[in-house]
Amino acid sequence: MQEELVSAEPVRFFAPPTSASGVFSGWLGVYLDTSGTHSVNWGEIAAIVEDACRHAAPKALVSDLDDRSR
């Protein structure tokens, strides 16, 4: 997803540099100081964060989140 968003909208998204220990590998950076047609869409950011949490969280936690949203 990182690669897709960065290449599609480099004005809004970036790939943070990976540290020597691998921190930030695959992370998605978001420019928060954009305006006009490139302004931050907080609904989109919320969806990206939720998707990332679902990807990284234990299955039981994701299941609990699904149960609460019903």
C-alpha atoms as a PDB file:
ATOM      1  CA  MET A   1       0.000   0.000   0.000  1.00  0.00           C
ATOM      2  CA  GLN A   2       2.879   2.364   0.816  1.00  0.00           C
ATOM      3  CA  GLU A   3       4.370   2.105  -2.660  1.00  0.00           C
ATOM      4  CA  GLU A   4       0.974   2.628  -4.317  1.00  0.00           C
ATOM      5  CA  LEU A   5       0.105   5.751  -2.358  1.00  0.00           C
ATOM      6  CA  VAL A   6       3.567   7.310  -2.610  1.00  0.00           C
ATOM      7  CA  SER A   7       3.778   6.826  -6.374  1.00  0.00           C
ATOM      8  CA  ALA A   8       0.159   7.917  -6.956  1.00  0.00           C
ATOM      9  CA  GLU A   9       0.271  11.033  -4.748  1.00  0.00           C
ATOM     10  CA  PRO A  10       3.833  12.078  -3.840  1.00  0.00           C
ATOM     11  CA  VAL A  11       2.571  15.526  -2.818  1.00  0.00           C
ATOM     12  CA  ARG A  12       0.561  13.918   0.015  1.00  0.00           C
ATOM     13  CA  PHE A  13       2.506  10.753   0.925  1.00  0.00           C
ATOM     14  CA  PHE A  14       6.152   9.730   1.316  1.00  0.00           C
ATOM     15  CA  ALA A  15       8.215   6.729   2.366  1.00  0.00           C
ATOM     16  CA  PRO A  16      10.239   7.598   5.501  1.00  0.00           C
ATOM     17  CA  PRO A  17      13.900   6.587   5.283  1.00  0.00           C
ATOM     18  CA  THR A  18      14.588   3.202   6.856  1.00  0.00           C
ATOM     19  CA  SER A  19      17.056   3.239   9.747  1.00  0.00           C
ATOM     20  CA  ALA A  20      20.022   0.879   9.971  1.00  0.00           C
ATOM     21  CA  SER A  21      18.008  -1.361  12.303  1.00  0.00           C
ATOM     22  CA  GLY A  22      15.074  -1.498   9.880  1.00  0.00           C
ATOM     23  CA  VAL A  23      12.769   0.875  11.740  1.00  0.00           C
ATOM     24  CA  PHE A  24      10.259   2.622   9.450  1.00  0.00           C
ATOM     25  CA  SER A  25      10.546  -0.080   6.775  1.00  0.00           C
ATOM     26  CA  GLY A  26       7.216  -0.120   4.976  1.00  0.00           C
ATOM     27  CA  TRP A  27       5.839   2.833   6.942  1.00  0.00           C
ATOM     28  CA  LEU A  28       3.770   5.486   5.210  1.00  0.00           C
ATOM     29  CA  GLY A  29       4.524   9.156   5.798  1.00  0.00           C
ATOM     30  CA  VAL A  30       1.776  11.731   5.364  1.00  0.00           C
ATOM     31  CA  TYR A  31       2.400  15.417   4.748  1.00  0.00           C
ATOM     32  CA  LEU A  32       0.091  17.267   7.124  1.00  0.00           C
ATOM     33  CA  ASP A  33       0.944  20.763   5.884  1.00  0.00           C
ATOM     34  CA  THR A  34      -0.759  20.475   2.500  1.00  0.00           C
ATOM     35  CA  SER A  35      -3.658  22.628   1.347  1.00  0.00           C
ATOM     36  CA  GLY A  36      -6.069  23.102  -1.509  1.00  0.00           C
ATOM     37  CA  THR A  37      -6.642  20.031  -3.645  1.00  0.00           C
ATOM     38  CA  HIS A  38      -3.918  18.210  -1.687  1.00  0.00           C
ATOM     39  CA  SER A  39      -5.273  18.995   1.797  1.00  0.00           C
ATOM     40  CA  VAL A  40      -5.425  16.226   4.373  1.00  0.00           C
ATOM     41  CA  ASN A  41      -8.476  13.986   4.116  1.00  0.00           C
ATOM     42  CA  TRP A  42      -8.870  12.876   7.724  1.00  0.00           C
ATOM     43  CA  GLY A  43     -11.399  10.191   6.798  1.00  0.00           C
ATOM     44  CA  GLU A  44      -8.819   8.661   4.474  1.00  0.00           C
ATOM     45  CA  ILE A  45      -6.131   8.885   7.170  1.00  0.00           C
ATOM     46  CA  ALA A  46      -8.474   7.167   9.650  1.00  0.00           C
ATOM     47  CA  ALA A  47      -9.086   4.348   7.148  1.00  0.00           C
ATOM     48  CA  ILE A  48      -5.338   3.921   6.542  1.00  0.00           C
ATOM     49  CA  VAL A  49      -4.640   3.789  10.294  1.00  0.00           C
ATOM     50  CA  GLU A  50      -7.452   1.296  10.884  1.00  0.00           C
ATOM     51  CA  ASP A  51      -6.204  -0.908   8.042  1.00  0.00           C
ATOM     52  CA  ALA A  52      -2.659  -0.806   9.461  1.00  0.00           C
ATOM     53  CA  CYS A  53      -3.921  -1.697  12.946  1.00  0.00           C
ATOM     54  CA  ARG A  54      -5.952  -4.594  11.594  1.00  0.00           C
ATOM     55  CA  HIS A  55      -2.877  -5.845   9.732  1.00  0.00           C
ATOM     56  CA  ALA A  56      -0.595  -5.685  12.779  1.00  0.00           C
ATOM     57  CA  ALA A  57      -2.980  -6.553  15.615  1.00  0.00           C
ATOM     58  CA  PRO A  58      -3.551 -10.051  16.993  1.00  0.00           C
ATOM     59  CA  LYS A  59      -6.561 -11.834  15.462  1.00  0.00           C
ATOM     60  CA  ALA A  60      -8.468 -11.758  18.776  1.00  0.00           C
ATOM     61  CA  LEU A  61      -8.188  -7.972  18.924  1.00  0.00           C
ATOM     62  CA  VAL A  62      -9.360  -7.585  15.312  1.00  0.00           C
ATOM     63  CA  SER A  63     -12.290  -9.885  16.073  1.00  0.00           C
ATOM     64  CA  ASP A  64     -13.170  -7.786  19.124  1.00  0.00           C
ATOM     65  CA  LEU A  65     -13.034  -4.632  16.995  1.00  0.00           C
ATOM     66  CA  ASP A  66     -15.374  -6.240  14.444  1.00  0.00           C
ATOM     67  CA  ASP A  67     -17.802  -7.273  17.206  1.00  0.00           C
ATOM     68  CA  ARG A  68     -17.927  -3.708  18.571  1.00  0.00           C
ATOM     69  CA  SER A  69     -18.687  -2.198  15.170  1.00  0.00           C
ATOM     70  CA  ARG A  70     -21.824  -4.321  14.670  1.00  0.00           C
END
